[in-house]
Amino acid sequence: MALEARIRELGSRHQALEAQIQDEMSRPAADDIRLRELKRQKLKLKEEMEALRGQMH
């Protein structure tokens, strides 16, 4: 159960990062460094979620 809660929490953070990425990309002069950092964080969260899902099975 704790793993499921952690995965949900990470999923929420993953979605929030996606929203920030979309917001930054919609700006006329998007900050490439910020975009790269947000995408890196999002990928790290995805990898962590996948690792936790692997532990569940």
N, C-alpha and C. Protein backbone atom coordinates (compact mmCIF):
# COMPACT_ATOMS: atom_id res chain seq x y z
N MET A 1 0.83 -1.20 0.00
CA MET A 1 0.00 0.00 0.00
C MET A 1 0.87 1.26 0.00
N ALA A 2 1.94 1.26 0.76
CA ALA A 2 2.81 2.43 0.82
C ALA A 2 3.43 2.72 -0.55
N LEU A 3 3.76 1.65 -1.28
CA LEU A 3 4.32 1.83 -2.62
C LEU A 3 3.31 2.51 -3.54
N GLU A 4 2.06 2.08 -3.45
CA GLU A 4 1.02 2.67 -4.30
C GLU A 4 0.85 4.16 -4.01
N ALA A 5 0.90 4.52 -2.73
CA ALA A 5 0.76 5.92 -2.35
C ALA A 5 1.94 6.73 -2.88
N ARG A 6 3.14 6.16 -2.79
CA ARG A 6 4.34 6.85 -3.30
C ARG A 6 4.25 7.03 -4.81
N ILE A 7 3.77 6.00 -5.50
CA ILE A 7 3.62 6.09 -6.96
C ILE A 7 2.61 7.18 -7.32
N ARG A 8 1.51 7.25 -6.58
CA ARG A 8 0.51 8.31 -6.83
C ARG A 8 1.10 9.69 -6.60
N GLU A 9 1.88 9.83 -5.52
CA GLU A 9 2.51 11.11 -5.22
C GLU A 9 3.47 11.51 -6.35
N LEU A 10 4.28 10.56 -6.79
CA LEU A 10 5.21 10.84 -7.88
C LEU A 10 4.46 11.17 -9.16
N GLY A 11 3.34 10.48 -9.39
CA GLY A 11 2.52 10.75 -10.57
C GLY A 11 1.98 12.17 -10.56
N SER A 12 1.57 12.63 -9.39
CA SER A 12 1.07 14.00 -9.26
C SER A 12 2.18 15.01 -9.56
N ARG A 13 3.36 14.75 -9.02
CA ARG A 13 4.49 15.65 -9.28
C ARG A 13 4.87 15.61 -10.76
N HIS A 14 4.77 14.44 -11.37
CA HIS A 14 5.07 14.27 -12.80
C HIS A 14 4.11 15.13 -13.63
N GLN A 15 2.83 15.09 -13.29
CA GLN A 15 1.82 15.89 -14.00
C GLN A 15 2.06 17.39 -13.80
N ALA A 16 2.45 17.77 -12.59
CA ALA A 16 2.72 19.19 -12.32
C ALA A 16 3.91 19.67 -13.15
N LEU A 17 4.93 18.83 -13.28
CA LEU A 17 6.08 19.20 -14.10
C LEU A 17 5.66 19.33 -15.57
N GLU A 18 4.80 18.44 -16.03
CA GLU A 18 4.32 18.52 -17.41
C GLU A 18 3.61 19.85 -17.64
N ALA A 19 2.79 20.26 -16.67
CA ALA A 19 2.09 21.54 -16.78
C ALA A 19 3.09 22.70 -16.83
N GLN A 20 4.13 22.63 -16.01
CA GLN A 20 5.15 23.68 -16.03
C GLN A 20 5.88 23.72 -17.36
N ILE A 21 6.16 22.53 -17.91
CA ILE A 21 6.83 22.45 -19.22
C ILE A 21 5.95 23.08 -20.29
N GLN A 22 4.67 22.73 -20.29
CA GLN A 22 3.76 23.29 -21.29
C GLN A 22 3.65 24.80 -21.13
N ASP A 23 3.61 25.27 -19.90
CA ASP A 23 3.53 26.71 -19.64
C ASP A 23 4.78 27.42 -20.19
N GLU A 24 5.93 26.85 -19.90
CA GLU A 24 7.19 27.45 -20.36
C GLU A 24 7.26 27.44 -21.89
N MET A 25 6.82 26.36 -22.50
CA MET A 25 6.87 26.25 -23.97
C MET A 25 5.91 27.22 -24.65
N SER A 26 4.87 27.62 -23.94
CA SER A 26 3.89 28.53 -24.54
C SER A 26 4.37 29.98 -24.52
N ARG A 27 5.42 30.24 -23.79
CA ARG A 27 5.97 31.60 -23.72
C ARG A 27 6.68 31.94 -25.04
N PRO A 28 6.60 33.19 -25.45
CA PRO A 28 7.26 33.60 -26.70
C PRO A 28 8.77 33.35 -26.66
N ALA A 29 9.40 33.58 -25.52
CA ALA A 29 10.85 33.37 -25.40
C ALA A 29 11.09 32.33 -24.30
N ALA A 30 10.80 31.08 -24.63
CA ALA A 30 10.95 30.01 -23.65
C ALA A 30 12.41 29.90 -23.20
N ASP A 31 12.59 29.62 -21.94
CA ASP A 31 13.93 29.46 -21.36
C ASP A 31 14.37 28.01 -21.57
N ASP A 32 15.30 27.81 -22.50
CA ASP A 32 15.74 26.46 -22.85
C ASP A 32 16.39 25.74 -21.67
N ILE A 33 17.11 26.47 -20.85
CA ILE A 33 17.77 25.84 -19.70
C ILE A 33 16.71 25.36 -18.70
N ARG A 34 15.71 26.20 -18.46
CA ARG A 34 14.62 25.80 -17.55
C ARG A 34 13.86 24.60 -18.12
N LEU A 35 13.57 24.62 -19.41
CA LEU A 35 12.88 23.50 -20.03
C LEU A 35 13.68 22.21 -19.88
N ARG A 36 14.96 22.29 -20.13
CA ARG A 36 15.81 21.10 -20.02
C ARG A 36 15.79 20.55 -18.59
N GLU A 37 15.85 21.43 -17.61
CA GLU A 37 15.84 21.01 -16.21
C GLU A 37 14.49 20.39 -15.83
N LEU A 38 13.40 21.01 -16.26
CA LEU A 38 12.07 20.45 -15.98
C LEU A 38 11.91 19.07 -16.60
N LYS A 39 12.36 18.93 -17.82
CA LYS A 39 12.26 17.64 -18.51
C LYS A 39 13.12 16.58 -17.83
N ARG A 40 14.29 16.98 -17.33
CA ARG A 40 15.17 16.06 -16.62
C ARG A 40 14.49 15.58 -15.33
N GLN A 41 13.88 16.51 -14.61
CA GLN A 41 13.17 16.16 -13.38
C GLN A 41 12.00 15.22 -13.67
N LYS A 42 11.28 15.51 -14.74
CA LYS A 42 10.13 14.69 -15.12
C LYS A 42 10.58 13.27 -15.46
N LEU A 43 11.67 13.14 -16.20
CA LEU A 43 12.19 11.82 -16.56
C LEU A 43 12.63 11.06 -15.31
N LYS A 44 13.27 11.75 -14.38
CA LYS A 44 13.72 11.11 -13.14
C LYS A 44 12.52 10.56 -12.37
N LEU A 45 11.43 11.33 -12.30
CA LEU A 45 10.22 10.87 -11.62
C LEU A 45 9.64 9.65 -12.32
N LYS A 46 9.62 9.68 -13.65
CA LYS A 46 9.08 8.55 -14.41
C LYS A 46 9.89 7.29 -14.14
N GLU A 47 11.21 7.42 -14.13
CA GLU A 47 12.07 6.27 -13.86
C GLU A 47 11.83 5.73 -12.46
N GLU A 48 11.65 6.62 -11.49
CA GLU A 48 11.40 6.18 -10.12
C GLU A 48 10.06 5.46 -10.01
N MET A 49 9.04 5.98 -10.70
CA MET A 49 7.73 5.32 -10.69
C MET A 49 7.83 3.93 -11.29
N GLU A 50 8.54 3.81 -12.40
CA GLU A 50 8.67 2.51 -13.05
C GLU A 50 9.41 1.52 -12.15
N ALA A 51 10.44 1.99 -11.45
CA ALA A 51 11.18 1.12 -10.53
C ALA A 51 10.27 0.64 -9.41
N LEU A 52 9.46 1.54 -8.88
CA LEU A 52 8.53 1.15 -7.79
C LEU A 52 7.48 0.17 -8.30
N ARG A 53 6.98 0.40 -9.51
CA ARG A 53 6.00 -0.55 -10.07
C ARG A 53 6.62 -1.93 -10.24
N GLY A 54 7.89 -1.95 -10.60
CA GLY A 54 8.60 -3.23 -10.74
C GLY A 54 8.70 -3.97 -9.41
N GLN A 55 8.80 -3.24 -8.31
CA GLN A 55 8.88 -3.84 -6.99
C GLN A 55 7.54 -4.44 -6.57
N MET A 56 6.47 -3.91 -7.14
CA MET A 56 5.12 -4.37 -6.76
C MET A 56 4.82 -5.74 -7.36
N HIS A 57 5.48 -6.08 -8.46
CA HIS A 57 5.17 -7.32 -9.17
C HIS A 57 6.17 -8.39 -8.90
